[in-house]
Amino acid sequence: MRRLGLRARVTAAFAVGALLLSALMALVSYELVRHSLLDERERTAIRAAYFDAAVVRTGLDTETPDVYEVLRSLDTGGSRRALVHREGQWYARTADEGPSGAVPAGLVAMVAAGEPGVQRVNVDGQPALLVGLPLSKSTGYYEITSLRELEQTFQVLALALTVVAMTVAGSGAALGWYATRHGLRPLTAVADAAEKIAAGDVTARLAPGTDPDLARLSTSFNRMVDQVAERIERDRRFAADVSHELRSPLQTLSAAASVLARRREHLDERTATAAGLVVEEVTRFEHLVDDLIELARSDRPAQREPVDVVALARRVCRAHGLPESLVRPGPGAAAVLWSVDPRRVEQVLVNLLDNAVRYGGGPVAVRLSRTGGSGVVEVDDAGPGVPPVDREVVFDRFVRGRAAHARAGGDGTGLGLALVAQHAAAHGGRAVVGDRPGGGARFRVELPGALS
């Protein structure tokens, strides 16, 4: 399972925190408002019930009281309903008993005992408040106040508080995203600088005055980069110096080897064989020195300029005695110039073609295409391919795959594909190898920013 990034986690934490806080506040507000309104409605209902009970008591205090007529004289409006329980019989404004079935027996017993009572009940599926008041030993007055409108108010209040909670949560997420965007900006600058350094640009530095809290980080980072750059330059200079120092004796050896090569027919068999080995090893030594010098320069940033890569690939093929028809430009890659380092791209093509000739049974195609803004160079060969276990290490320095050992007898330097990977990294890209459809290997070099 992929772990969320720091920005996503902080944003989510802000959102969840804001949601929990707003939900808690909404719940507390809802309960406070609900209890406040219910208490107020209960006090109002009790006052109205006492007033109406006084009217009913007065109306019943006659020789021949008409209970129905007394109840009809009450001004209860549409939200209150009056009941009288007299000598075991229920009376309402109409001839039927009305909602007397909603009156709990316990409340009836309480009122009959001379104690007033208040209870919340359901009448016809709707919430209501029931107030019971004793009028005499045999008579009790009951008034039912509907709470339907109050419940609707609670529903609207709950909906409004829910919307507010969701809005606050969204605002918290936006605040978290804004805070992380600005708070992580120094880390983004560190990441950008690290990427530039990884691509070979050791001049990348952090501005020390960007954030006072990160001044120590900026200073330490810049000091580290200075030391890395110094070490890289020292190693590069050492490799270049050694390579150049080797050139003088190597040229002497090469001249002597060429003399031996021209006189091989005048030598005996054993001496001629030894002379041939000397010539081969000196030639291999020359290639190794050339690769070391190129490797010492490959850590520098790519010097991009507009290049006709199709023409460059055809020229490289001609120089190696290969047909130009191997070059197969894809759509969108032939009609435009690529923004690349021409020396590095030429070296990539040379090394990949040389690798195909030496170890891959010869090149089959040189494909030039584009993927988004990246230029892609692919070289197919007709060899046995590269086993999956070797595909990660084949681009390392002084590493050769199984095919190299099986076919070339160990005459390679082990630096050709390492240089290909180095040149790709200088462009911010990468070099990979896979299977070619139909057999063989396909070496792929991606060059981001080559095509816009």
Protein backbone atom coordinates (compact mmCIF):
# COMPACT_ATOMS: atom_id res chain seq x y z
CA MET A 1 0.00 0.00 0.00
CA ARG A 2 1.45 3.34 -1.04
CA ARG A 3 2.02 5.75 1.83
CA LEU A 4 0.64 9.26 1.56
CA GLY A 5 3.09 12.11 1.17
CA LEU A 6 3.81 14.63 3.89
CA ARG A 7 1.66 17.32 2.28
CA ALA A 8 -1.28 14.93 1.91
CA ARG A 9 -0.92 13.73 5.52
CA VAL A 10 -0.76 17.26 6.94
CA THR A 11 -3.70 18.37 4.79
CA ALA A 12 -5.69 15.32 5.91
CA ALA A 13 -4.77 16.01 9.54
CA PHE A 14 -5.98 19.60 9.24
CA ALA A 15 -9.20 18.42 7.60
CA VAL A 16 -9.87 15.68 10.17
CA GLY A 17 -9.00 18.00 13.06
CA ALA A 18 -11.26 20.74 11.74
CA LEU A 19 -14.04 18.20 11.14
CA LEU A 20 -13.79 16.74 14.65
CA LEU A 21 -13.66 20.18 16.26
CA SER A 22 -16.54 21.55 14.19
CA ALA A 23 -18.56 18.35 14.75
CA LEU A 24 -18.01 18.62 18.51
CA MET A 25 -18.96 22.28 18.52
CA ALA A 26 -21.99 21.56 16.33
CA LEU A 27 -23.11 18.73 18.65
CA VAL A 28 -22.69 20.87 21.76
CA SER A 29 -24.48 23.80 20.09
CA TYR A 30 -27.31 21.53 18.94
CA GLU A 31 -27.80 20.04 22.39
CA LEU A 32 -27.70 23.45 24.11
CA VAL A 33 -30.19 24.98 21.67
CA ARG A 34 -32.38 21.88 21.80
CA HIS A 35 -32.58 21.82 25.60
CA SER A 36 -33.06 25.58 25.72
CA LEU A 37 -35.95 25.53 23.25
CA LEU A 38 -37.56 22.46 24.85
CA ASP A 39 -37.34 24.00 28.30
CA GLU A 40 -38.81 27.25 27.02
CA ARG A 41 -41.62 25.39 25.25
CA GLU A 42 -42.27 23.34 28.37
CA ARG A 43 -42.52 26.45 30.56
CA THR A 44 -44.85 28.09 28.04
CA ALA A 45 -47.02 24.95 27.83
CA ILE A 46 -47.26 24.69 31.63
CA ARG A 47 -48.28 28.36 31.96
CA ALA A 48 -50.91 27.93 29.25
CA ALA A 49 -52.17 24.71 30.86
CA TYR A 50 -52.55 26.36 34.28
CA PHE A 51 -54.45 29.25 32.70
CA ASP A 52 -56.74 26.92 30.75
CA ALA A 53 -57.21 24.69 33.82
CA ALA A 54 -58.42 27.73 35.80
CA VAL A 55 -60.97 28.47 33.08
CA VAL A 56 -62.16 24.85 33.09
CA ARG A 57 -62.39 24.78 36.91
CA THR A 58 -64.54 27.90 36.83
CA GLY A 59 -66.75 26.44 34.11
CA LEU A 60 -67.25 23.19 35.97
CA ASP A 61 -68.04 24.92 39.26
CA THR A 62 -71.79 25.00 38.50
CA GLU A 63 -74.76 22.82 39.35
CA THR A 64 -75.08 21.25 35.89
CA PRO A 65 -71.75 21.74 34.15
CA ASP A 66 -71.43 20.96 30.42
CA VAL A 67 -67.88 19.68 30.04
CA TYR A 68 -67.91 19.76 26.23
CA GLU A 69 -69.12 23.35 26.22
CA VAL A 70 -66.46 24.36 28.74
CA LEU A 71 -63.71 22.78 26.60
CA ARG A 72 -65.02 24.51 23.47
CA SER A 73 -64.73 27.83 25.22
CA LEU A 74 -60.97 27.46 25.56
CA ASP A 75 -58.73 29.37 23.15
CA THR A 76 -56.12 26.62 22.56
CA GLY A 77 -55.28 27.45 18.96
CA GLY A 78 -54.06 24.75 16.60
CA SER A 79 -51.13 23.50 18.63
CA ARG A 80 -52.86 22.59 21.90
CA ARG A 81 -55.56 20.02 22.65
CA ALA A 82 -57.50 19.92 25.93
CA LEU A 83 -58.83 16.83 27.74
CA VAL A 84 -60.79 16.36 30.97
CA HIS A 85 -60.89 13.13 32.91
CA ARG A 86 -63.94 13.30 35.15
CA GLU A 87 -65.30 10.44 37.23
CA GLY A 88 -63.57 7.82 35.03
CA GLN A 89 -64.71 9.32 31.72
CA TRP A 90 -62.74 11.27 29.12
CA TYR A 91 -64.01 14.50 27.58
CA ALA A 92 -62.64 16.43 24.61
CA ARG A 93 -63.84 19.32 22.47
CA THR A 94 -65.71 16.78 20.37
CA ALA A 95 -68.00 13.95 21.42
CA ASP A 96 -65.27 11.28 21.03
CA GLU A 97 -62.52 10.83 23.56
CA GLY A 98 -59.98 12.40 21.21
CA PRO A 99 -56.33 11.60 21.96
CA SER A 100 -57.03 10.25 25.42
CA GLY A 101 -55.31 6.99 24.49
CA ALA A 102 -51.97 8.84 24.45
CA VAL A 103 -52.26 9.74 28.15
CA PRO A 104 -50.11 7.29 30.17
CA ALA A 105 -51.84 5.50 33.03
CA GLY A 106 -49.09 6.55 35.37
CA LEU A 107 -49.76 10.23 34.71
CA VAL A 108 -53.49 9.67 35.23
CA ALA A 109 -52.78 8.05 38.59
CA MET A 110 -50.48 10.92 39.57
CA VAL A 111 -53.08 13.56 38.73
CA ALA A 112 -55.78 11.55 40.51
CA ALA A 113 -53.56 11.61 43.58
CA GLY A 114 -53.58 15.40 43.45
CA GLU A 115 -50.09 15.95 41.91
CA PRO A 116 -49.46 17.80 38.64
CA GLY A 117 -47.21 16.13 36.04
CA VAL A 118 -45.47 16.79 32.74
CA GLN A 119 -44.51 14.11 30.23
CA ARG A 120 -43.41 13.91 26.59
CA VAL A 121 -45.53 11.57 24.49
CA ASN A 122 -46.27 10.68 20.86
CA VAL A 123 -49.69 11.51 19.48
CA ASP A 124 -50.49 10.15 16.03
CA GLY A 125 -46.77 9.58 15.49
CA GLN A 126 -45.87 13.20 16.32
CA PRO A 127 -43.97 14.37 19.43
CA ALA A 128 -46.02 16.29 21.98
CA LEU A 129 -45.83 17.62 25.54
CA LEU A 130 -48.53 16.44 27.95
CA VAL A 131 -49.37 18.48 31.06
CA GLY A 132 -51.69 17.00 33.67
CA LEU A 133 -53.27 19.14 36.44
CA PRO A 134 -55.69 18.02 39.18
CA LEU A 135 -58.93 20.07 39.36
CA SER A 136 -60.66 18.06 42.10
CA LYS A 137 -60.63 14.60 43.58
CA SER A 138 -62.53 13.18 40.62
CA THR A 139 -61.48 15.55 37.87
CA GLY A 140 -58.18 16.07 36.10
CA TYR A 141 -57.26 18.43 33.31
CA TYR A 142 -54.82 17.42 30.56
CA GLU A 143 -53.41 19.60 27.82
CA ILE A 144 -51.40 18.22 24.87
CA THR A 145 -49.03 20.71 23.18
CA SER A 146 -47.66 19.66 19.76
CA LEU A 147 -43.88 19.78 19.33
CA ARG A 148 -43.96 19.16 15.58
CA GLU A 149 -42.85 22.66 14.62
CA LEU A 150 -40.11 22.51 17.22
CA GLU A 151 -38.86 19.17 15.83
CA GLN A 152 -38.79 20.67 12.34
CA THR A 153 -36.75 23.52 13.74
CA PHE A 154 -34.34 20.97 15.22
CA GLN A 155 -34.00 19.25 11.84
CA VAL A 156 -33.20 22.53 10.10
CA LEU A 157 -30.74 23.37 12.86
CA ALA A 158 -29.03 19.96 12.54
CA LEU A 159 -28.76 20.36 8.77
CA ALA A 160 -27.33 23.87 9.11
CA LEU A 161 -24.77 22.74 11.70
CA THR A 162 -23.78 19.78 9.48
CA VAL A 163 -23.19 22.11 6.55
CA VAL A 164 -21.18 24.40 8.79
CA ALA A 165 -19.09 21.44 10.04
CA MET A 166 -18.38 20.28 6.48
CA THR A 167 -17.49 23.81 5.44
CA VAL A 168 -15.14 24.16 8.38
CA ALA A 169 -13.54 20.80 7.49
CA GLY A 170 -13.06 21.95 3.89
CA SER A 171 -11.60 25.22 5.14
CA GLY A 172 -9.28 23.25 7.42
CA ALA A 173 -8.11 21.15 4.47
CA ALA A 174 -7.51 24.30 2.41
CA LEU A 175 -5.62 25.85 5.29
CA GLY A 176 -3.54 22.69 5.71
CA TRP A 177 -2.74 22.60 2.00
CA TYR A 178 -1.77 26.29 2.05
CA ALA A 179 0.32 25.87 5.19
CA THR A 180 2.15 22.80 3.86
CA ARG A 181 2.68 24.42 0.48
CA HIS A 182 4.45 27.37 2.08
CA GLY A 183 5.95 25.41 4.94
CA LEU A 184 7.46 22.78 2.63
CA ARG A 185 8.75 25.31 0.13
CA PRO A 186 12.27 25.21 1.68
CA LEU A 187 12.23 21.41 1.46
CA THR A 188 11.14 21.68 -2.16
CA ALA A 189 14.11 23.96 -2.78
CA VAL A 190 16.39 21.35 -1.16
CA ALA A 191 14.87 18.60 -3.34
CA ASP A 192 15.28 20.70 -6.51
CA ALA A 193 18.88 21.46 -5.65
CA ALA A 194 19.55 17.78 -4.90
CA GLU A 195 18.06 16.78 -8.27
CA LYS A 196 20.28 19.28 -10.08
CA ILE A 197 23.33 17.96 -8.23
CA ALA A 198 22.35 14.37 -9.06
CA ALA A 199 22.13 15.43 -12.73
CA GLY A 200 25.70 16.74 -12.55
CA ASP A 201 25.09 20.42 -11.81
CA VAL A 202 27.27 20.87 -8.72
CA THR A 203 26.79 24.65 -8.88
CA ALA A 204 23.29 24.36 -7.35
CA ARG A 205 23.06 26.05 -3.94
CA LEU A 206 20.41 27.09 -1.40
CA ALA A 207 19.83 30.75 -0.62
CA PRO A 208 20.92 31.06 3.04
CA GLY A 209 18.60 34.00 3.80
CA THR A 210 15.38 32.39 2.55
CA ASP A 211 14.12 31.30 5.98
CA PRO A 212 15.84 32.19 9.28
CA ASP A 213 14.68 28.91 10.83
CA LEU A 214 16.38 26.95 8.04
CA ALA A 215 19.60 28.95 7.90
CA ARG A 216 21.56 26.12 9.51
CA LEU A 217 20.15 23.60 7.02
CA SER A 218 21.01 25.88 4.07
CA THR A 219 24.52 26.50 5.34
CA SER A 220 25.17 22.80 6.03
CA PHE A 221 23.71 21.79 2.67
CA ASN A 222 25.83 24.31 0.76
CA ARG A 223 28.95 23.25 2.67
CA MET A 224 28.21 19.61 1.86
CA VAL A 225 27.73 20.43 -1.83
CA ASP A 226 31.00 22.37 -1.84
CA GLN A 227 32.81 19.38 -0.43
CA VAL A 228 31.11 17.00 -2.87
CA ALA A 229 31.92 19.29 -5.80
CA GLU A 230 35.51 19.57 -4.64
CA ARG A 231 35.83 15.82 -4.33
CA ILE A 232 34.21 15.22 -7.72
CA GLU A 233 36.49 17.76 -9.34
CA ARG A 234 39.51 16.21 -7.62
CA ASP A 235 38.53 12.73 -8.80
CA ARG A 236 37.81 14.02 -12.30
CA ARG A 237 41.13 15.83 -12.41
CA PHE A 238 42.92 12.74 -11.11
CA ALA A 239 41.32 10.50 -13.75
CA ALA A 240 42.04 13.02 -16.48
CA ASP A 241 45.64 13.50 -15.35
CA VAL A 242 46.26 9.78 -15.12
CA SER A 243 44.70 9.22 -18.53
CA HIS A 244 46.74 11.99 -20.12
CA GLU A 245 49.92 10.76 -18.44
CA LEU A 246 49.23 7.32 -19.85
CA ARG A 247 48.86 8.67 -23.37
CA SER A 248 52.58 9.40 -23.89
CA PRO A 249 53.90 5.90 -23.07
CA LEU A 250 50.84 4.44 -24.72
CA GLN A 251 51.62 6.25 -27.96
CA THR A 252 55.14 4.88 -27.81
CA LEU A 253 53.79 1.38 -27.20
CA SER A 254 51.30 1.83 -30.03
CA ALA A 255 54.06 2.90 -32.43
CA ALA A 256 56.20 -0.06 -31.42
CA ALA A 257 53.19 -2.39 -31.72
CA SER A 258 52.46 -1.12 -35.21
CA VAL A 259 56.07 -1.86 -36.19
CA LEU A 260 55.70 -5.38 -34.82
CA ALA A 261 52.42 -5.79 -36.65
CA ARG A 262 54.03 -4.80 -39.97
CA ARG A 263 56.91 -7.25 -39.43
CA ARG A 264 54.83 -10.23 -38.25
CA GLU A 265 55.43 -12.16 -41.46
CA HIS A 266 59.18 -12.03 -40.83
CA LEU A 267 58.88 -13.44 -37.31
CA ASP A 268 58.62 -17.02 -36.20
CA GLU A 269 55.20 -18.35 -35.20
CA ARG A 270 55.55 -17.93 -31.43
CA THR A 271 56.98 -14.42 -31.74
CA ALA A 272 54.28 -13.45 -34.26
CA THR A 273 51.59 -14.70 -31.90
CA ALA A 274 53.10 -12.72 -29.04
CA ALA A 275 53.33 -9.63 -31.24
CA GLY A 276 49.67 -10.01 -32.18
CA LEU A 277 48.68 -10.21 -28.53
CA VAL A 278 50.71 -7.08 -27.78
CA VAL A 279 48.99 -5.19 -30.60
CA GLU A 280 45.52 -6.28 -29.40
CA GLU A 281 46.22 -5.36 -25.79
CA VAL A 282 47.70 -1.97 -26.71
CA THR A 283 44.62 -1.24 -28.84
CA ARG A 284 42.38 -2.28 -25.96
CA PHE A 285 44.47 -0.12 -23.62
CA GLU A 286 43.97 2.86 -25.94
CA HIS A 287 40.21 2.35 -25.91
CA LEU A 288 40.26 2.06 -22.14
CA VAL A 289 42.17 5.33 -21.75
CA ASP A 290 39.81 7.07 -24.17
CA ASP A 291 36.81 5.80 -22.18
CA LEU A 292 38.38 6.91 -18.91
CA ILE A 293 38.95 10.40 -20.27
CA GLU A 294 35.35 10.50 -21.51
CA LEU A 295 34.13 9.20 -18.16
CA ALA A 296 36.08 11.92 -16.36
CA ARG A 297 34.25 14.55 -18.43
CA SER A 298 30.81 12.90 -18.23
CA ASP A 299 29.98 14.29 -14.76
CA ARG A 300 29.69 17.81 -16.11
CA PRO A 301 26.25 19.26 -17.04
CA ALA A 302 25.00 18.70 -20.57
CA GLN A 303 25.63 21.58 -22.97
CA ARG A 304 22.33 21.61 -24.83
CA GLU A 305 21.91 23.10 -28.30
CA PRO A 306 19.58 22.47 -31.27
CA VAL A 307 20.71 19.28 -33.03
CA ASP A 308 19.42 17.33 -36.03
CA VAL A 309 19.61 13.97 -34.26
CA VAL A 310 18.41 12.05 -37.34
CA ALA A 311 21.30 13.37 -39.42
CA LEU A 312 23.66 12.75 -36.50
CA ALA A 313 22.54 9.11 -36.22
CA ARG A 314 22.98 8.55 -39.96
CA ARG A 315 26.46 10.08 -39.82
CA VAL A 316 27.43 7.76 -36.95
CA CYS A 317 26.15 4.75 -38.90
CA ARG A 318 28.21 5.75 -41.94
CA ALA A 319 31.32 6.20 -39.79
CA HIS A 320 30.90 2.63 -38.48
CA GLY A 321 30.28 1.12 -41.89
CA LEU A 322 26.58 0.54 -41.17
CA PRO A 323 23.72 1.35 -43.57
CA GLU A 324 21.87 4.62 -42.97
CA SER A 325 18.60 2.72 -43.40
CA LEU A 326 19.04 1.50 -39.80
CA VAL A 327 17.90 4.96 -38.64
CA ARG A 328 14.13 5.01 -38.33
CA PRO A 329 12.75 8.34 -37.09
CA GLY A 330 9.29 8.22 -35.58
CA PRO A 331 6.52 10.79 -36.04
CA GLY A 332 7.37 14.14 -34.50
CA ALA A 333 11.07 13.28 -34.13
CA ALA A 334 12.42 13.84 -37.66
CA ALA A 335 11.03 17.27 -38.50
CA VAL A 336 12.33 19.10 -35.41
CA LEU A 337 15.69 19.79 -33.84
CA TRP A 338 16.44 18.20 -30.50
CA SER A 339 17.75 20.29 -27.62
CA VAL A 340 20.61 18.02 -26.52
CA ASP A 341 24.36 17.90 -26.06
CA PRO A 342 25.57 16.74 -29.50
CA ARG A 343 28.85 15.26 -28.20
CA ARG A 344 27.06 13.20 -25.57
CA VAL A 345 24.31 11.97 -27.93
CA GLU A 346 26.91 11.01 -30.52
CA GLN A 347 28.80 9.07 -27.85
CA VAL A 348 25.56 7.33 -26.83
CA LEU A 349 24.93 6.22 -30.42
CA VAL A 350 28.55 5.15 -30.92
CA ASN A 351 28.62 3.08 -27.75
CA LEU A 352 25.24 1.44 -28.34
CA LEU A 353 26.10 0.55 -31.94
CA ASP A 354 29.51 -0.75 -30.85
CA ASN A 355 27.83 -2.81 -28.13
CA ALA A 356 25.39 -4.25 -30.70
CA VAL A 357 28.22 -5.13 -33.08
CA ARG A 358 30.39 -6.70 -30.38
CA TYR A 359 27.82 -8.56 -28.30
CA GLY A 360 24.41 -8.38 -29.98
CA GLY A 361 24.91 -9.93 -33.39
CA GLY A 362 24.80 -6.51 -35.04
CA PRO A 363 22.31 -3.64 -34.89
CA VAL A 364 18.87 -4.11 -36.42
CA ALA A 365 17.42 -0.59 -36.05
CA VAL A 366 18.12 2.82 -34.55
CA ARG A 367 14.78 4.28 -33.55
CA LEU A 368 14.29 7.98 -32.76
CA SER A 369 10.94 8.96 -31.24
CA ARG A 370 9.34 11.26 -28.72
CA THR A 371 7.32 10.72 -25.57
CA GLY A 372 5.79 13.98 -24.42
CA GLY A 373 8.69 16.43 -24.24
CA SER A 374 11.33 13.69 -24.07
CA GLY A 375 13.42 12.42 -26.92
CA VAL A 376 13.92 8.65 -27.04
CA VAL A 377 16.82 6.82 -28.68
CA GLU A 378 16.46 3.05 -29.09
CA VAL A 379 18.98 0.62 -30.57
CA ASP A 380 17.78 -2.91 -31.40
CA ASP A 381 20.16 -5.80 -31.95
CA ALA A 382 19.87 -9.38 -33.17
CA GLY A 383 21.69 -11.01 -30.26
CA PRO A 384 20.50 -13.29 -27.47
CA GLY A 385 19.25 -10.36 -25.39
CA VAL A 386 20.15 -9.36 -21.84
CA PRO A 387 18.93 -11.65 -19.03
CA PRO A 388 16.68 -9.89 -16.47
CA VAL A 389 19.25 -10.48 -13.71
CA ASP A 390 21.82 -8.44 -15.67
CA ARG A 391 19.62 -5.53 -16.73
CA GLU A 392 20.24 -3.49 -13.59
CA VAL A 393 24.01 -3.93 -13.45
CA VAL A 394 24.86 -3.88 -17.15
CA PHE A 395 25.14 -0.06 -17.03
CA ASP A 396 27.59 -0.11 -14.12
CA ARG A 397 31.26 0.64 -14.67
CA PHE A 398 33.54 -2.28 -15.57
CA VAL A 399 30.56 -4.65 -15.70
CA ARG A 400 29.86 -6.82 -18.74
CA GLY A 401 26.93 -9.14 -19.25
CA ARG A 402 26.98 -12.84 -19.99
CA ALA A 403 26.77 -12.20 -23.73
CA ALA A 404 29.93 -10.07 -23.57
CA HIS A 405 31.88 -12.86 -21.93
CA ALA A 406 30.47 -15.49 -24.28
CA ARG A 407 30.93 -13.65 -27.59
CA ALA A 408 33.75 -11.13 -27.30
CA GLY A 409 36.32 -13.03 -25.34
CA GLY A 410 36.76 -10.25 -22.80
CA ASP A 411 38.10 -7.56 -25.20
CA GLY A 412 35.71 -4.82 -24.05
CA THR A 413 36.51 -2.17 -21.45
CA GLY A 414 33.26 -2.48 -19.51
CA LEU A 415 32.75 1.29 -19.70
CA GLY A 416 30.70 1.73 -22.88
CA LEU A 417 27.24 1.25 -21.37
CA ALA A 418 28.31 3.07 -18.20
CA LEU A 419 29.03 6.10 -20.37
CA VAL A 420 25.62 5.73 -22.03
CA ALA A 421 23.92 5.83 -18.62
CA GLN A 422 26.11 8.78 -17.55
CA HIS A 423 25.24 10.81 -20.66
CA ALA A 424 21.52 10.04 -20.20
CA ALA A 425 21.72 11.16 -16.54
CA ALA A 426 23.43 14.40 -17.61
CA HIS A 427 20.26 15.17 -19.61
CA GLY A 428 18.07 14.25 -16.62
CA GLY A 429 17.09 10.95 -18.22
CA ARG A 430 17.94 7.30 -17.91
CA ALA A 431 19.13 4.29 -19.89
CA VAL A 432 17.34 0.92 -19.73
CA VAL A 433 17.43 -2.35 -21.62
CA GLY A 434 14.60 -4.74 -22.45
CA ASP A 435 13.57 -7.37 -24.95
CA ARG A 436 13.08 -6.58 -28.62
CA PRO A 437 9.89 -8.01 -30.16
CA GLY A 438 11.03 -10.95 -32.24
CA GLY A 439 14.21 -11.55 -30.24
CA GLY A 440 17.29 -9.64 -29.26
CA ALA A 441 17.81 -6.67 -26.96
CA ARG A 442 16.46 -3.12 -27.12
CA PHE A 443 18.54 -0.41 -25.43
CA ARG A 444 16.46 2.68 -24.67
CA VAL A 445 17.80 6.11 -23.71
CA GLU A 446 15.34 8.80 -22.58
CA LEU A 447 16.34 12.45 -22.86
CA PRO A 448 13.81 14.71 -21.03
CA GLY A 449 13.41 18.23 -22.36
CA ALA A 450 14.84 17.34 -25.76
CA LEU A 451 11.56 18.11 -27.56
CA SER A 452 9.07 20.81 -26.64
